[in-house]
C-alpha atoms as a PDB file:
ATOM      1  CA  UNK A   1     110.128 129.605  88.161  1.00  0.00           C
ATOM      2  CA  UNK A   2     109.048 131.870  91.036  1.00  0.00           C
ATOM      3  CA  UNK A   3     107.871 130.628  94.423  1.00  0.00           C
ATOM      4  CA  UNK A   4     104.341 131.725  93.543  1.00  0.00           C
ATOM      5  CA  UNK A   5     104.462 129.750  90.290  1.00  0.00           C
ATOM      6  CA  UNK A   6     105.700 126.704  92.172  1.00  0.00           C
ATOM      7  CA  UNK A   7     102.890 127.091  94.718  1.00  0.00           C
ATOM      8  CA  UNK A   8     100.363 127.112  91.871  1.00  0.00           C
ATOM      9  CA  UNK A   9     101.978 124.083  90.216  1.00  0.00           C
ATOM     10  CA  UNK A  10     102.050 122.285  93.564  1.00  0.00           C
ATOM     11  CA  UNK A  11      98.325 122.891  93.934  1.00  0.00           C
ATOM     12  CA  UNK A  12      97.545 121.750  90.380  1.00  0.00           C
ATOM     13  CA  UNK A  13      99.512 118.523  90.777  1.00  0.00           C
ATOM     14  CA  UNK A  14      98.158 117.822  94.261  1.00  0.00           C
ATOM     15  CA  UNK A  15     101.663 117.494  95.693  1.00  0.00           C
ATOM     16  CA  UNK A  16     102.187 117.555  99.454  1.00  0.00           C
ATOM     17  CA  UNK A  17     105.260 119.200 100.977  1.00  0.00           C
ATOM     18  CA  UNK A  18     106.685 115.751 101.638  1.00  0.00           C
ATOM     19  CA  UNK A  19     106.311 114.767  97.979  1.00  0.00           C
ATOM     20  CA  UNK A  20     108.045 117.980  96.863  1.00  0.00           C
ATOM     21  CA  UNK A  21     110.864 117.253  99.316  1.00  0.00           C
ATOM     22  CA  UNK A  22     111.243 113.701  98.044  1.00  0.00           C
ATOM     23  CA  UNK A  23     111.213 114.732  94.376  1.00  0.00           C
ATOM     24  CA  UNK A  24     113.584 117.687  94.762  1.00  0.00           C
ATOM     25  CA  UNK A  25     115.970 116.441  97.438  1.00  0.00           C
ATOM     26  CA  UNK A  26     115.322 119.583  99.522  1.00  0.00           C
ATOM     27  CA  UNK A  27     114.811 118.824 103.249  1.00  0.00           C
ATOM     28  CA  UNK A  28     111.153 118.664 104.270  1.00  0.00           C
ATOM     29  CA  UNK A  29     111.579 121.375 106.918  1.00  0.00           C
ATOM     30  CA  UNK A  30     112.977 123.764 104.300  1.00  0.00           C
ATOM     31  CA  UNK A  31     110.129 123.003 101.886  1.00  0.00           C
ATOM     32  CA  UNK A  32     107.565 123.680 104.614  1.00  0.00           C
ATOM     33  CA  UNK A  33     109.159 127.028 105.490  1.00  0.00           C
ATOM     34  CA  UNK A  34     109.292 128.162 101.849  1.00  0.00           C
ATOM     35  CA  UNK A  35     105.710 127.274 100.943  1.00  0.00           C
ATOM     36  CA  UNK A  36     104.300 128.601 104.229  1.00  0.00           C
ATOM     37  CA  UNK A  37     106.050 131.944 103.719  1.00  0.00           C
ATOM     38  CA  UNK A  38     108.272 131.595 106.783  1.00  0.00           C
ATOM     39  CA  UNK A  39     111.297 131.764 104.479  1.00  0.00           C
ATOM     40  CA  UNK A  40     110.930 134.542 101.905  1.00  0.00           C
ATOM     41  CA  UNK A  41     114.426 134.563 100.411  1.00  0.00           C
ATOM     42  CA  UNK A  42     115.586 130.956  99.925  1.00  0.00           C
ATOM     43  CA  UNK A  43     118.967 130.281  98.374  1.00  0.00           C
ATOM     44  CA  UNK A  44     119.232 130.161  94.593  1.00  0.00           C
ATOM     45  CA  UNK A  45     120.407 126.522  94.688  1.00  0.00           C
ATOM     46  CA  UNK A  46     117.344 125.578  96.764  1.00  0.00           C
ATOM     47  CA  UNK A  47     114.985 127.217  94.266  1.00  0.00           C
ATOM     48  CA  UNK A  48     116.642 125.432  91.353  1.00  0.00           C
ATOM     49  CA  UNK A  49     116.269 122.103  93.149  1.00  0.00           C
ATOM     50  CA  UNK A  50     112.594 122.782  93.893  1.00  0.00           C
ATOM     51  CA  UNK A  51     111.948 123.637  90.244  1.00  0.00           C
ATOM     52  CA  UNK A  52     112.960 120.136  89.207  1.00  0.00           C
ATOM     53  CA  UNK A  53     110.114 118.616  91.237  1.00  0.00           C
ATOM     54  CA  UNK A  54     107.649 120.459  89.004  1.00  0.00           C
ATOM     55  CA  UNK A  55     109.455 120.687  85.663  1.00  0.00           C
ATOM     56  CA  UNK A  56     110.052 116.928  85.534  1.00  0.00           C
ATOM     57  CA  UNK A  57     106.563 115.886  86.567  1.00  0.00           C
ATOM     58  CA  UNK A  58     104.178 114.181  84.113  1.00  0.00           C
ATOM     59  CA  UNK A  59     102.478 116.783  81.971  1.00  0.00           C
ATOM     60  CA  UNK A  60     105.192 119.372  82.516  1.00  0.00           C
ATOM     61  CA  UNK A  61     106.844 121.072  79.600  1.00  0.00           C
ATOM     62  CA  UNK A  62     109.978 119.057  78.906  1.00  0.00           C
ATOM     63  CA  UNK A  63     111.624 117.334  75.968  1.00  0.00           C
ATOM     64  CA  UNK A  64     109.875 114.184  74.819  1.00  0.00           C
ATOM     65  CA  UNK A  65     110.883 111.551  72.325  1.00  0.00           C
ATOM     66  CA  UNK A  66     110.175 107.882  71.535  1.00  0.00           C
ATOM     67  CA  UNK A  67     112.820 106.945  74.117  1.00  0.00           C
ATOM     68  CA  UNK A  68     111.619 109.478  76.688  1.00  0.00           C
ATOM     69  CA  UNK A  69     107.834 109.942  76.421  1.00  0.00           C
ATOM     70  CA  UNK A  70     107.515 110.966  80.070  1.00  0.00           C
ATOM     71  CA  UNK A  71     110.268 113.034  81.639  1.00  0.00           C
ATOM     72  CA  UNK A  72     111.878 112.321  84.962  1.00  0.00           C
ATOM     73  CA  UNK A  73     112.144 108.544  84.634  1.00  0.00           C
ATOM     74  CA  UNK A  74     114.901 106.114  83.753  1.00  0.00           C
ATOM     75  CA  UNK A  75     114.071 104.776  80.319  1.00  0.00           C
ATOM     76  CA  UNK A  76     115.460 102.082  78.128  1.00  0.00           C
ATOM     77  CA  UNK A  77     118.582 103.192  76.315  1.00  0.00           C
ATOM     78  CA  UNK A  78     118.498 103.832  72.574  1.00  0.00           C
ATOM     79  CA  UNK A  79     120.975 101.021  71.963  1.00  0.00           C
ATOM     80  CA  UNK A  80     118.474  98.504  73.317  1.00  0.00           C
ATOM     81  CA  UNK A  81     115.522 100.107  71.551  1.00  0.00           C
ATOM     82  CA  UNK A  82     117.343  99.836  68.253  1.00  0.00           C
ATOM     83  CA  UNK A  83     116.593  96.123  68.007  1.00  0.00           C
ATOM     84  CA  UNK A  84     112.909  96.872  67.406  1.00  0.00           C
ATOM     85  CA  UNK A  85     110.889  99.142  65.156  1.00  0.00           C
ATOM     86  CA  UNK A  86     108.499  99.749  68.019  1.00  0.00           C
ATOM     87  CA  UNK A  87     108.412 102.930  70.057  1.00  0.00           C
ATOM     88  CA  UNK A  88     107.883 103.398  73.783  1.00  0.00           C
ATOM     89  CA  UNK A  89     104.273 102.668  74.641  1.00  0.00           C
ATOM     90  CA  UNK A  90     104.047  99.859  72.060  1.00  0.00           C
ATOM     91  CA  UNK A  91     106.064  97.133  73.782  1.00  0.00           C
ATOM     92  CA  UNK A  92     104.551  93.894  75.099  1.00  0.00           C
ATOM     93  CA  UNK A  93     105.637  90.964  77.248  1.00  0.00           C
ATOM     94  CA  UNK A  94     107.106  89.313  74.161  1.00  0.00           C
ATOM     95  CA  UNK A  95     109.539  92.224  73.868  1.00  0.00           C
ATOM     96  CA  UNK A  96     110.164  92.177  77.622  1.00  0.00           C
ATOM     97  CA  UNK A  97     111.181  88.511  77.575  1.00  0.00           C
ATOM     98  CA  UNK A  98     113.531  89.157  74.644  1.00  0.00           C
ATOM     99  CA  UNK A  99     115.543  91.783  76.533  1.00  0.00           C
ATOM    100  CA  UNK A 100     119.063  90.880  77.772  1.00  0.00           C
ATOM    101  CA  UNK A 101     118.798  88.539  80.765  1.00  0.00           C
ATOM    102  CA  UNK A 102     121.839  90.039  82.498  1.00  0.00           C
ATOM    103  CA  UNK A 103     120.068  93.389  82.902  1.00  0.00           C
ATOM    104  CA  UNK A 104     116.884  94.359  84.744  1.00  0.00           C
ATOM    105  CA  UNK A 105     113.928  96.148  83.212  1.00  0.00           C
ATOM    106  CA  UNK A 106     110.293  96.951  83.944  1.00  0.00           C
ATOM    107  CA  UNK A 107     107.434  97.182  81.457  1.00  0.00           C
ATOM    108  CA  UNK A 108     104.667  99.640  82.362  1.00  0.00           C
ATOM    109  CA  UNK A 109     101.840 100.344  79.928  1.00  0.00           C
ATOM    110  CA  UNK A 110     104.020  99.398  76.981  1.00  0.00           C
ATOM    111  CA  UNK A 111     106.998 101.514  78.120  1.00  0.00           C
ATOM    112  CA  UNK A 112     110.253  99.741  79.008  1.00  0.00           C
ATOM    113  CA  UNK A 113     112.259 101.190  81.906  1.00  0.00           C
ATOM    114  CA  UNK A 114     115.931 100.430  82.505  1.00  0.00           C
ATOM    115  CA  UNK A 115     116.594  99.597  86.180  1.00  0.00           C
ATOM    116  CA  UNK A 116     120.011 100.672  87.424  1.00  0.00           C
ATOM    117  CA  UNK A 117     121.906  98.635  90.003  1.00  0.00           C
ATOM    118  CA  UNK A 118     120.645  99.323  93.555  1.00  0.00           C
ATOM    119  CA  UNK A 119     122.830 100.971  96.197  1.00  0.00           C
ATOM    120  CA  UNK A 120     124.000  99.318  99.400  1.00  0.00           C
ATOM    121  CA  UNK A 121     121.447 101.336 101.409  1.00  0.00           C
ATOM    122  CA  UNK A 122     118.682 100.231  99.054  1.00  0.00           C
ATOM    123  CA  UNK A 123     119.503  96.555  99.492  1.00  0.00           C
ATOM    124  CA  UNK A 124     120.001  96.751 103.253  1.00  0.00           C
ATOM    125  CA  UNK A 125     116.627  98.488 103.698  1.00  0.00           C
ATOM    126  CA  UNK A 126     114.756  96.091 101.404  1.00  0.00           C
ATOM    127  CA  UNK A 127     116.370  93.119 103.132  1.00  0.00           C
ATOM    128  CA  UNK A 128     115.472  94.468 106.575  1.00  0.00           C
ATOM    129  CA  UNK A 129     111.778  94.799 105.728  1.00  0.00           C
ATOM    130  CA  UNK A 130     111.614  91.395 104.067  1.00  0.00           C
ATOM    131  CA  UNK A 131     113.253  89.834 107.147  1.00  0.00           C
ATOM    132  CA  UNK A 132     110.737  91.495 109.489  1.00  0.00           C
ATOM    133  CA  UNK A 133     107.744  90.433 107.389  1.00  0.00           C
ATOM    134  CA  UNK A 134     109.057  86.875 107.024  1.00  0.00           C
ATOM    135  CA  UNK A 135     109.697  86.429 110.757  1.00  0.00           C
ATOM    136  CA  UNK A 136     106.285  87.808 111.694  1.00  0.00           C
ATOM    137  CA  UNK A 137     104.357  85.613 109.255  1.00  0.00           C
ATOM    138  CA  UNK A 138     106.347  82.453 110.022  1.00  0.00           C
ATOM    139  CA  UNK A 139     105.972  82.910 113.797  1.00  0.00           C
ATOM    140  CA  UNK A 140     102.200  82.851 113.347  1.00  0.00           C
ATOM    141  CA  UNK A 141     102.043  80.126 110.678  1.00  0.00           C
ATOM    142  CA  UNK A 142     100.452  82.654 108.348  1.00  0.00           C
ATOM    143  CA  UNK A 143      99.441  82.007 104.762  1.00  0.00           C
ATOM    144  CA  UNK A 144     100.810  85.269 103.335  1.00  0.00           C
ATOM    145  CA  UNK A 145     104.111  85.114 101.456  1.00  0.00           C
ATOM    146  CA  UNK A 146     106.725  87.893 101.694  1.00  0.00           C
ATOM    147  CA  UNK A 147     109.015  88.043  98.652  1.00  0.00           C
ATOM    148  CA  UNK A 148     111.945  90.210  97.608  1.00  0.00           C
ATOM    149  CA  UNK A 149     113.092  91.421  94.192  1.00  0.00           C
ATOM    150  CA  UNK A 150     114.158  90.488  91.575  1.00  0.00           C
ATOM    151  CA  UNK A 151     110.747  88.931  90.938  1.00  0.00           C
ATOM    152  CA  UNK A 152     108.364  89.586  88.049  1.00  0.00           C
ATOM    153  CA  UNK A 153     104.865  90.793  88.909  1.00  0.00           C
ATOM    154  CA  UNK A 154     102.344  90.725  86.060  1.00  0.00           C
ATOM    155  CA  UNK A 155     100.368  93.425  87.791  1.00  0.00           C
ATOM    156  CA  UNK A 156      97.315  93.785  85.529  1.00  0.00           C
ATOM    157  CA  UNK A 157      97.369  90.250  84.099  1.00  0.00           C
ATOM    158  CA  UNK A 158      97.836  91.748  80.635  1.00  0.00           C
ATOM    159  CA  UNK A 159     100.745  91.815  78.169  1.00  0.00           C
ATOM    160  CA  UNK A 160     101.674  95.497  78.645  1.00  0.00           C
ATOM    161  CA  UNK A 161     102.913  95.634  82.250  1.00  0.00           C
ATOM    162  CA  UNK A 162     105.505  93.661  84.234  1.00  0.00           C
ATOM    163  CA  UNK A 163     107.045  95.254  87.314  1.00  0.00           C
ATOM    164  CA  UNK A 164     109.647  94.240  89.891  1.00  0.00           C
ATOM    165  CA  UNK A 165     108.776  95.797  93.275  1.00  0.00           C
ATOM    166  CA  UNK A 166     111.497  95.686  95.922  1.00  0.00           C
ATOM    167  CA  UNK A 167     109.411  93.787  98.501  1.00  0.00           C
ATOM    168  CA  UNK A 168     105.900  92.355  98.261  1.00  0.00           C
ATOM    169  CA  UNK A 169     103.457  90.370 100.370  1.00  0.00           C
ATOM    170  CA  UNK A 170     101.054  88.013  98.592  1.00  0.00           C
ATOM    171  CA  UNK A 171      98.205  86.501 100.634  1.00  0.00           C
ATOM    172  CA  UNK A 172      96.405  84.778  97.748  1.00  0.00           C
ATOM    173  CA  UNK A 173      98.737  81.896  96.929  1.00  0.00           C
ATOM    174  CA  UNK A 174      96.931  81.166  93.653  1.00  0.00           C
ATOM    175  CA  UNK A 175      98.666  84.284  92.277  1.00  0.00           C
ATOM    176  CA  UNK A 176     102.091  82.700  92.782  1.00  0.00           C
ATOM    177  CA  UNK A 177     103.024  80.838  89.605  1.00  0.00           C
ATOM    178  CA  UNK A 178     106.427  79.673  88.457  1.00  0.00           C
ATOM    179  CA  UNK A 179     107.338  82.523  86.141  1.00  0.00           C
ATOM    180  CA  UNK A 180     105.871  85.441  88.122  1.00  0.00           C
ATOM    181  CA  UNK A 181     103.257  86.789  90.504  1.00  0.00           C
ATOM    182  CA  UNK A 182     100.123  86.858  88.353  1.00  0.00           C
ATOM    183  CA  UNK A 183      98.019  89.749  89.604  1.00  0.00           C
ATOM    184  CA  UNK A 184      98.328  92.466  92.235  1.00  0.00           C
ATOM    185  CA  UNK A 185     100.158  91.674  95.504  1.00  0.00           C
ATOM    186  CA  UNK A 186      98.424  92.673  98.735  1.00  0.00           C
ATOM    187  CA  UNK A 187     101.382  94.784  99.846  1.00  0.00           C
ATOM    188  CA  UNK A 188     104.150  96.535  97.901  1.00  0.00           C
ATOM    189  CA  UNK A 189     107.243  98.298  99.232  1.00  0.00           C
ATOM    190  CA  UNK A 190     109.592 100.352  97.064  1.00  0.00           C
ATOM    191  CA  UNK A 191     112.892 101.834  98.221  1.00  0.00           C
ATOM    192  CA  UNK A 192     113.273 105.152  96.391  1.00  0.00           C
ATOM    193  CA  UNK A 193     116.428 106.122  94.555  1.00  0.00           C
ATOM    194  CA  UNK A 194     117.358 109.112  92.409  1.00  0.00           C
ATOM    195  CA  UNK A 195     116.813 107.159  89.197  1.00  0.00           C
ATOM    196  CA  UNK A 196     113.448 105.624  90.165  1.00  0.00           C
ATOM    197  CA  UNK A 197     111.917 108.214  92.512  1.00  0.00           C
ATOM    198  CA  UNK A 198     109.517 109.822  90.053  1.00  0.00           C
ATOM    199  CA  UNK A 199     108.490 106.483  88.582  1.00  0.00           C
ATOM    200  CA  UNK A 200     107.795 104.998  92.024  1.00  0.00           C
ATOM    201  CA  UNK A 201     106.031 108.078  93.392  1.00  0.00           C
ATOM    202  CA  UNK A 202     103.849 108.894  90.403  1.00  0.00           C
ATOM    203  CA  UNK A 203     103.604 106.223  87.716  1.00  0.00           C
ATOM    204  CA  UNK A 204     103.768 103.116  89.899  1.00  0.00           C
ATOM    205  CA  UNK A 205     101.716 104.711  92.685  1.00  0.00           C
ATOM    206  CA  UNK A 206      98.773 105.009  90.290  1.00  0.00           C
ATOM    207  CA  UNK A 207      99.377 101.575  88.772  1.00  0.00           C
ATOM    208  CA  UNK A 208      99.412  99.862  92.166  1.00  0.00           C
ATOM    209  CA  UNK A 209      96.314 101.700  93.366  1.00  0.00           C
ATOM    210  CA  UNK A 210      94.293 100.908  90.235  1.00  0.00           C
ATOM    211  CA  UNK A 211      95.490  97.285  90.051  1.00  0.00           C
ATOM    212  CA  UNK A 212      94.151  96.429  93.518  1.00  0.00           C
ATOM    213  CA  UNK A 213      97.251  96.590  95.728  1.00  0.00           C
ATOM    214  CA  UNK A 214      95.906  97.053  99.260  1.00  0.00           C
ATOM    215  CA  UNK A 215      98.885  98.824 100.821  1.00  0.00           C
ATOM    216  CA  UNK A 216     101.910 100.647  99.349  1.00  0.00           C
ATOM    217  CA  UNK A 217     104.984 101.856 101.236  1.00  0.00           C
ATOM    218  CA  UNK A 218     107.726 104.082  99.791  1.00  0.00           C
ATOM    219  CA  UNK A 219     110.988 104.327 101.734  1.00  0.00           C
ATOM    220  CA  UNK A 220     113.142 107.398 101.048  1.00  0.00           C
ATOM    221  CA  UNK A 221     116.676 106.755 102.373  1.00  0.00           C
ATOM    222  CA  UNK A 222     117.809 110.332 101.665  1.00  0.00           C
ATOM    223  CA  UNK A 223     114.973 112.005 103.548  1.00  0.00           C
ATOM    224  CA  UNK A 224     114.764 109.182 106.139  1.00  0.00           C
ATOM    225  CA  UNK A 225     111.007 109.022 105.627  1.00  0.00           C
ATOM    226  CA  UNK A 226     108.337 106.436 104.857  1.00  0.00           C
ATOM    227  CA  UNK A 227     105.173 107.228 102.875  1.00  0.00           C
ATOM    228  CA  UNK A 228     102.299 104.830 103.546  1.00  0.00           C
ATOM    229  CA  UNK A 229      99.261 104.465 101.286  1.00  0.00           C
ATOM    230  CA  UNK A 230      96.485 102.284 102.686  1.00  0.00           C
ATOM    231  CA  UNK A 231      94.388 102.011  99.509  1.00  0.00           C
ATOM    232  CA  UNK A 232      92.013  99.486 101.037  1.00  0.00           C
ATOM    233  CA  UNK A 233      90.785 101.957 103.659  1.00  0.00           C
ATOM    234  CA  UNK A 234      91.287 105.147 101.605  1.00  0.00           C
ATOM    235  CA  UNK A 235      94.098 106.344 103.886  1.00  0.00           C
ATOM    236  CA  UNK A 236      96.579 108.140 101.683  1.00  0.00           C
ATOM    237  CA  UNK A 237     100.013 109.665 102.185  1.00  0.00           C
ATOM    238  CA  UNK A 238     100.699 108.980 105.835  1.00  0.00           C
ATOM    239  CA  UNK A 239     104.243 110.202 106.477  1.00  0.00           C
ATOM    240  CA  UNK A 240     106.658 108.760 109.026  1.00  0.00           C
ATOM    241  CA  UNK A 241     110.313 109.302 109.823  1.00  0.00           C
ATOM    242  CA  UNK A 242     112.943 106.835 110.966  1.00  0.00           C
ATOM    243  CA  UNK A 243     111.886 107.281 114.611  1.00  0.00           C
ATOM    244  CA  UNK A 244     108.369 105.882 114.234  1.00  0.00           C
ATOM    245  CA  UNK A 245     106.817 102.444 114.562  1.00  0.00           C
ATOM    246  CA  UNK A 246     104.430 101.585 111.718  1.00  0.00           C
ATOM    247  CA  UNK A 247     101.770  98.852 111.680  1.00  0.00           C
ATOM    248  CA  UNK A 248     101.376  96.749 108.534  1.00  0.00           C
ATOM    249  CA  UNK A 249      97.661  96.926 107.758  1.00  0.00           C
ATOM    250  CA  UNK A 250      97.505  93.868 105.480  1.00  0.00           C
ATOM    251  CA  UNK A 251      98.888  91.821 108.374  1.00  0.00           C
ATOM    252  CA  UNK A 252      96.034  93.019 110.623  1.00  0.00           C
ATOM    253  CA  UNK A 253      98.346  95.681 112.159  1.00  0.00           C
ATOM    254  CA  UNK A 254      99.854  92.949 114.360  1.00  0.00           C
ATOM    255  CA  UNK A 255     103.162  93.347 112.547  1.00  0.00           C
ATOM    256  CA  UNK A 256     104.812  96.536 113.829  1.00  0.00           C
ATOM    257  CA  UNK A 257     107.932  97.823 112.062  1.00  0.00           C
ATOM    258  CA  UNK A 258     110.255  99.791 114.350  1.00  0.00           C
ATOM    259  CA  UNK A 259     112.004 102.315 112.110  1.00  0.00           C
ATOM    260  CA  UNK A 260     114.404 103.221 114.922  1.00  0.00           C
ATOM    261  CA  UNK A 261     115.701  99.670 114.697  1.00  0.00           C
ATOM    262  CA  UNK A 262     115.983 100.055 110.913  1.00  0.00           C
ATOM    263  CA  UNK A 263     117.991 103.244 111.310  1.00  0.00           C
ATOM    264  CA  UNK A 264     120.374 101.621 113.775  1.00  0.00           C
ATOM    265  CA  UNK A 265     120.849  98.857 111.200  1.00  0.00           C
ATOM    266  CA  UNK A 266     122.049 101.335 108.539  1.00  0.00           C
ATOM    267  CA  UNK A 267     123.310 104.231 110.682  1.00  0.00           C
ATOM    268  CA  UNK A 268     126.920 103.571 109.673  1.00  0.00           C
ATOM    269  CA  UNK A 269     126.114 104.590 106.094  1.00  0.00           C
ATOM    270  CA  UNK A 270     124.930 108.050 107.195  1.00  0.00           C
ATOM    271  CA  UNK A 271     127.835 108.562 109.579  1.00  0.00           C
ATOM    272  CA  UNK A 272     130.243 108.284 106.647  1.00  0.00           C
ATOM    273  CA  UNK A 273     128.687 111.257 104.879  1.00  0.00           C
END
C-alpha cells in the first residue's frame, strides 16, 4: 500500500493521525511527518506497520470466518466455539454465562471476544485511575460509584452484549444490581493493549457512544497518550500526553487527573525498556 493509498484510506475511515499511531504502533510524530509530506521516504518497516492500521480495520479486505467475522480483534478460540452450533454474531447471554468461569470474555452484538490476561502496566494504570476517582468522590460524599474490572456491564440491557470495561463511574445507583451494571455507565475508561486496541478504539467506541455513555477515555501505555471523548457535549477525540492534567467532565470537572503523577507511578516500567 502506497502512502497516497493510505492517505485515501485514512480519509475514508475518518482516522486522525493519533488513531493511526495507536493502531499501528508508529510514533505520533512520525505519522504526522509522513502524512503531512515532511517525510517523503519513510523506512520500509514503518510503512508495513502503517499498513496494518488500515488493512485490519472494519470493512477492510481481510480473511473472515465464523470465528473471525471482523479482523483485528481477539476472538473466541475455535476450541471454545466447538461446544455450540452457533456462529459468531448469534451468541446470547445464555451462551456467555455458560463459558468457562476461569477465563474472561466479552459479548458484543452476539460476538464473543476472548480477553487475554492484562499486563502489569495495564493493571497499574487502571488501579491508579480508580484510586483517583474513588478518593475524589469519597472526599465530597458524592453519589457516583467508581468501579474496576472484572465487572459485567449489560450495556444495552439486551441479551446480545455484555462488556467488562477496565474502570467505570456509575452515577445512577439503580443501575447497580447484584450480577452486573444494568445499562450504560456515565464514564468508561479502557487501557489499550495490542490484543484489544482495535476493539476498544472502533467497536466499543461506537457501542459506548450509542448506548449513552457520557464520557469515554482510552489510555495508550505504548504511546503515552490519552484519548478523551465527551459524548455528552459532542467533544470528540481530545488527545493528551502523560504531561497533561485532564478534568473529568462527569464529575463536573472538579476531579483533575495529573498524568505527570501517573507517569511517575509507572516510570520504572519504561526505564527497563
